[in-house]
């Protein structure tokens, strides 16, 4: 099951109540949940076994690189299209180290 966006996990109590009903399937991996975003509520869900993978954008990297790209565009320089800032891919195995610094 893929959650397109992390919105479902932004209400941790409600998400826990829903996933409580399928925890046996989650533990046995009969049901796999992959969700978007790697913000604290999503990482907490992953650590609790309520998802199997979280994939998230890197908003800090986007904000850090945006001014440079804009200046290069204003100066008429070519920039990469698209500008890829990477993704964080978190699983139970790497949850402690998966987020970009």
N, C-alpha and C. Protein backbone atom coordinates (compact mmCIF):
# COMPACT_ATOMS: atom_id res chain seq x y z
N UNK A 1 0.85 -1.17 0.00
CA UNK A 1 0.00 0.00 0.00
C UNK A 1 0.90 1.22 0.00
N UNK A 2 0.64 2.15 -0.88
CA UNK A 2 1.46 3.36 -0.97
C UNK A 2 0.61 4.56 -0.58
N UNK A 3 1.07 5.30 0.41
CA UNK A 3 0.43 6.56 0.77
C UNK A 3 1.07 7.66 -0.06
N UNK A 4 0.32 8.26 -0.94
CA UNK A 4 0.87 9.33 -1.77
C UNK A 4 0.83 10.62 -0.97
N UNK A 5 1.89 10.90 -0.28
CA UNK A 5 1.96 12.05 0.61
C UNK A 5 1.89 11.57 2.04
N UNK A 6 2.43 12.35 2.92
CA UNK A 6 2.48 11.94 4.31
C UNK A 6 1.30 12.40 5.14
N UNK A 7 0.30 13.00 4.50
CA UNK A 7 -0.81 13.59 5.23
C UNK A 7 -1.48 12.62 6.20
N UNK A 8 -1.60 11.37 5.82
CA UNK A 8 -2.28 10.40 6.70
C UNK A 8 -1.54 10.23 8.02
N UNK A 9 -0.23 10.42 8.00
CA UNK A 9 0.57 10.22 9.21
C UNK A 9 0.75 11.51 10.02
N UNK A 10 0.18 12.62 9.55
CA UNK A 10 0.30 13.88 10.30
C UNK A 10 -0.65 13.92 11.50
N UNK A 11 -1.54 12.95 11.59
CA UNK A 11 -2.42 12.81 12.75
C UNK A 11 -2.03 11.49 13.42
N UNK A 12 -0.94 11.50 14.18
CA UNK A 12 -0.38 10.25 14.70
C UNK A 12 -1.36 9.37 15.47
N UNK A 13 -2.23 9.98 16.28
CA UNK A 13 -3.17 9.18 17.06
C UNK A 13 -4.16 8.47 16.14
N UNK A 14 -4.71 9.18 15.18
CA UNK A 14 -5.66 8.57 14.24
C UNK A 14 -4.97 7.51 13.39
N UNK A 15 -3.75 7.80 12.94
CA UNK A 15 -3.01 6.83 12.13
C UNK A 15 -2.73 5.56 12.94
N UNK A 16 -2.38 5.73 14.21
CA UNK A 16 -2.13 4.57 15.08
C UNK A 16 -3.41 3.76 15.27
N UNK A 17 -4.54 4.44 15.44
CA UNK A 17 -5.80 3.72 15.62
C UNK A 17 -6.14 2.89 14.39
N UNK A 18 -5.88 3.42 13.22
CA UNK A 18 -6.16 2.69 11.98
C UNK A 18 -5.18 1.52 11.82
N UNK A 19 -3.90 1.79 12.02
CA UNK A 19 -2.91 0.73 11.82
C UNK A 19 -2.94 -0.32 12.92
N UNK A 20 -3.47 0.03 14.10
CA UNK A 20 -3.63 -0.98 15.16
C UNK A 20 -4.44 -2.17 14.65
N UNK A 21 -5.38 -1.90 13.76
CA UNK A 21 -6.27 -2.95 13.25
C UNK A 21 -5.57 -3.91 12.30
N UNK A 22 -4.40 -3.53 11.81
CA UNK A 22 -3.69 -4.37 10.83
C UNK A 22 -2.24 -4.63 11.24
N UNK A 23 -1.91 -4.44 12.52
CA UNK A 23 -0.52 -4.60 12.96
C UNK A 23 0.02 -6.00 12.69
N UNK A 24 -0.79 -7.02 12.83
CA UNK A 24 -0.30 -8.38 12.56
C UNK A 24 0.11 -8.51 11.10
N UNK A 25 -0.67 -7.92 10.21
CA UNK A 25 -0.33 -7.97 8.78
C UNK A 25 0.91 -7.13 8.49
N UNK A 26 1.06 -6.01 9.18
CA UNK A 26 2.25 -5.18 9.00
C UNK A 26 3.49 -5.92 9.48
N UNK A 27 3.40 -6.56 10.63
CA UNK A 27 4.55 -7.28 11.18
C UNK A 27 4.96 -8.46 10.31
N UNK A 28 3.97 -9.16 9.74
CA UNK A 28 4.28 -10.31 8.89
C UNK A 28 4.62 -9.90 7.46
N UNK A 29 4.47 -8.62 7.19
CA UNK A 29 4.70 -8.05 5.85
C UNK A 29 3.71 -8.58 4.81
N UNK A 30 2.57 -9.04 5.30
CA UNK A 30 1.46 -9.36 4.40
C UNK A 30 0.91 -8.05 3.83
N UNK A 31 1.00 -6.99 4.63
CA UNK A 31 0.64 -5.64 4.21
C UNK A 31 1.89 -4.78 4.36
N UNK A 32 2.29 -4.14 3.29
CA UNK A 32 3.46 -3.26 3.30
C UNK A 32 2.97 -1.83 3.08
N UNK A 33 3.42 -0.92 3.90
CA UNK A 33 3.08 0.49 3.73
C UNK A 33 4.34 1.26 3.40
N UNK A 34 4.30 1.96 2.28
CA UNK A 34 5.36 2.88 1.86
C UNK A 34 4.70 4.25 1.78
N UNK A 35 5.28 5.23 2.44
CA UNK A 35 4.63 6.53 2.51
C UNK A 35 5.60 7.66 2.19
N UNK A 36 5.03 8.77 1.80
CA UNK A 36 5.82 9.96 1.49
C UNK A 36 6.09 10.78 2.73
N UNK A 37 7.20 11.45 2.71
CA UNK A 37 7.68 12.37 3.74
C UNK A 37 8.47 11.66 4.83
N UNK A 38 9.39 12.41 5.39
CA UNK A 38 10.26 11.89 6.44
C UNK A 38 10.35 12.89 7.60
N UNK A 39 9.22 13.53 7.87
CA UNK A 39 9.15 14.45 9.00
C UNK A 39 8.94 13.63 10.29
N UNK A 40 9.08 14.24 11.45
CA UNK A 40 9.00 13.48 12.70
C UNK A 40 7.81 12.52 12.83
N UNK A 41 6.57 12.93 12.47
CA UNK A 41 5.48 11.95 12.61
C UNK A 41 5.67 10.70 11.74
N UNK A 42 6.25 10.88 10.56
CA UNK A 42 6.47 9.74 9.67
C UNK A 42 7.59 8.84 10.20
N UNK A 43 8.64 9.44 10.70
CA UNK A 43 9.75 8.65 11.25
C UNK A 43 9.28 7.90 12.49
N UNK A 44 8.44 8.54 13.30
CA UNK A 44 7.89 7.85 14.47
C UNK A 44 7.04 6.65 14.05
N UNK A 45 6.25 6.81 12.99
CA UNK A 45 5.43 5.70 12.49
C UNK A 45 6.31 4.56 12.01
N UNK A 46 7.38 4.90 11.33
CA UNK A 46 8.32 3.89 10.84
C UNK A 46 8.95 3.14 12.01
N UNK A 47 9.42 3.87 13.00
CA UNK A 47 10.04 3.25 14.17
C UNK A 47 9.07 2.34 14.92
N UNK A 48 7.79 2.70 14.89
CA UNK A 48 6.76 1.91 15.59
C UNK A 48 6.26 0.74 14.75
N UNK A 49 6.82 0.56 13.56
CA UNK A 49 6.39 -0.55 12.71
C UNK A 49 5.09 -0.30 11.98
N UNK A 50 4.68 0.97 11.91
CA UNK A 50 3.42 1.32 11.25
C UNK A 50 3.61 1.69 9.78
N UNK A 51 4.84 1.62 9.31
CA UNK A 51 5.15 1.71 7.89
C UNK A 51 6.45 0.94 7.69
N UNK A 52 6.75 0.63 6.45
CA UNK A 52 7.96 -0.13 6.14
C UNK A 52 9.02 0.73 5.46
N UNK A 53 8.58 1.80 4.82
CA UNK A 53 9.52 2.70 4.16
C UNK A 53 8.88 4.08 4.07
N UNK A 54 9.73 5.07 4.20
CA UNK A 54 9.33 6.47 4.05
C UNK A 54 10.30 7.09 3.05
N UNK A 55 9.76 7.81 2.10
CA UNK A 55 10.58 8.49 1.09
C UNK A 55 10.22 9.96 1.14
N UNK A 56 11.23 10.80 1.33
CA UNK A 56 10.93 12.22 1.49
C UNK A 56 11.87 13.12 0.74
N UNK A 57 11.33 14.29 0.41
CA UNK A 57 12.12 15.33 -0.23
C UNK A 57 13.06 15.95 0.79
N UNK A 58 13.92 16.80 0.30
CA UNK A 58 14.87 17.50 1.17
C UNK A 58 14.61 19.01 1.09
N UNK A 59 13.65 19.51 1.87
CA UNK A 59 13.29 20.92 1.78
C UNK A 59 14.44 21.87 2.12
N UNK A 60 15.30 21.50 3.06
CA UNK A 60 16.44 22.36 3.38
C UNK A 60 17.33 22.52 2.15
N UNK A 61 17.62 21.41 1.47
CA UNK A 61 18.46 21.45 0.28
C UNK A 61 17.80 22.29 -0.81
N UNK A 62 16.49 22.18 -0.95
CA UNK A 62 15.76 22.98 -1.95
C UNK A 62 15.93 24.46 -1.66
N UNK A 63 15.70 24.82 -0.40
CA UNK A 63 15.83 26.23 -0.01
C UNK A 63 17.25 26.74 -0.11
N UNK A 64 18.20 25.89 0.20
CA UNK A 64 19.61 26.27 0.14
C UNK A 64 20.05 26.52 -1.30
N UNK A 65 19.60 25.67 -2.23
CA UNK A 65 20.05 25.78 -3.61
C UNK A 65 19.24 26.77 -4.44
N UNK A 66 18.01 27.06 -4.05
CA UNK A 66 17.13 27.90 -4.86
C UNK A 66 17.72 29.27 -5.19
N UNK A 67 18.28 30.01 -4.23
CA UNK A 67 18.83 31.33 -4.58
C UNK A 67 19.94 31.26 -5.63
N UNK A 68 20.81 30.27 -5.52
CA UNK A 68 21.89 30.13 -6.50
C UNK A 68 21.33 29.86 -7.88
N UNK A 69 20.35 28.98 -7.96
CA UNK A 69 19.74 28.67 -9.25
C UNK A 69 19.06 29.91 -9.83
N UNK A 70 18.35 30.65 -9.00
CA UNK A 70 17.67 31.87 -9.47
C UNK A 70 18.68 32.89 -9.99
N UNK A 71 19.76 33.09 -9.28
CA UNK A 71 20.79 34.04 -9.73
C UNK A 71 21.38 33.59 -11.06
N UNK A 72 21.66 32.30 -11.19
CA UNK A 72 22.19 31.79 -12.45
C UNK A 72 21.21 32.01 -13.59
N UNK A 73 19.93 31.82 -13.35
CA UNK A 73 18.92 32.07 -14.38
C UNK A 73 18.86 33.55 -14.75
N UNK A 74 18.90 34.41 -13.75
CA UNK A 74 18.88 35.86 -14.01
C UNK A 74 20.09 36.27 -14.84
N UNK A 75 21.22 35.65 -14.58
CA UNK A 75 22.45 35.95 -15.31
C UNK A 75 22.49 35.29 -16.68
N UNK A 76 21.43 34.56 -17.03
CA UNK A 76 21.37 33.92 -18.34
C UNK A 76 22.15 32.63 -18.45
N UNK A 77 22.59 32.11 -17.34
CA UNK A 77 23.34 30.85 -17.36
C UNK A 77 22.38 29.67 -17.47
N UNK A 78 22.89 28.56 -17.97
CA UNK A 78 22.10 27.34 -18.03
C UNK A 78 22.15 26.65 -16.67
N UNK A 79 21.02 26.12 -16.29
CA UNK A 79 20.94 25.34 -15.06
C UNK A 79 20.34 23.98 -15.39
N UNK A 80 20.61 23.04 -14.54
CA UNK A 80 20.06 21.70 -14.74
C UNK A 80 18.53 21.77 -14.71
N UNK A 81 17.89 20.98 -15.54
CA UNK A 81 16.44 20.93 -15.56
C UNK A 81 16.02 19.48 -15.70
N UNK A 82 15.52 18.89 -14.65
CA UNK A 82 15.20 19.48 -13.35
C UNK A 82 16.43 19.55 -12.45
N UNK A 83 16.30 20.34 -11.40
CA UNK A 83 17.34 20.39 -10.38
C UNK A 83 16.98 19.32 -9.34
N UNK A 84 17.78 18.30 -9.25
CA UNK A 84 17.50 17.19 -8.34
C UNK A 84 18.21 17.43 -7.02
N UNK A 85 17.44 17.47 -5.96
CA UNK A 85 18.02 17.72 -4.64
C UNK A 85 18.10 16.46 -3.79
N UNK A 86 17.73 15.35 -4.37
CA UNK A 86 17.84 14.09 -3.66
C UNK A 86 16.60 13.73 -2.87
N UNK A 87 16.58 12.52 -2.42
CA UNK A 87 15.50 12.00 -1.60
C UNK A 87 16.09 11.25 -0.42
N UNK A 88 15.39 11.30 0.67
CA UNK A 88 15.75 10.47 1.81
C UNK A 88 14.88 9.22 1.75
N UNK A 89 15.51 8.06 1.81
CA UNK A 89 14.81 6.78 1.76
C UNK A 89 15.05 6.07 3.08
N UNK A 90 14.01 5.99 3.88
CA UNK A 90 14.14 5.44 5.23
C UNK A 90 13.40 4.11 5.36
N UNK A 91 14.06 3.17 6.01
CA UNK A 91 13.47 1.87 6.34
C UNK A 91 13.78 1.58 7.80
N UNK A 92 13.23 0.50 8.31
CA UNK A 92 13.52 0.12 9.70
C UNK A 92 15.01 -0.12 9.90
N UNK A 93 15.68 -0.60 8.87
CA UNK A 93 17.10 -0.92 8.98
C UNK A 93 18.00 0.32 9.04
N UNK A 94 17.58 1.43 8.43
CA UNK A 94 18.46 2.60 8.38
C UNK A 94 17.84 3.84 9.01
N UNK A 95 16.77 3.68 9.77
CA UNK A 95 16.02 4.82 10.28
C UNK A 95 16.88 5.79 11.10
N UNK A 96 17.94 5.32 11.71
CA UNK A 96 18.79 6.19 12.51
C UNK A 96 19.76 7.03 11.69
N UNK A 97 19.95 6.69 10.43
CA UNK A 97 20.96 7.37 9.61
C UNK A 97 20.45 7.80 8.24
N UNK A 98 19.18 7.65 7.96
CA UNK A 98 18.68 7.86 6.59
C UNK A 98 18.48 9.32 6.20
N UNK A 99 18.37 10.21 7.14
CA UNK A 99 18.08 11.60 6.80
C UNK A 99 19.35 12.36 6.45
N UNK A 100 19.27 13.14 5.37
CA UNK A 100 20.41 13.96 4.96
C UNK A 100 20.68 15.00 6.03
N UNK A 101 21.92 15.31 6.19
CA UNK A 101 22.31 16.32 7.18
C UNK A 101 22.36 17.67 6.53
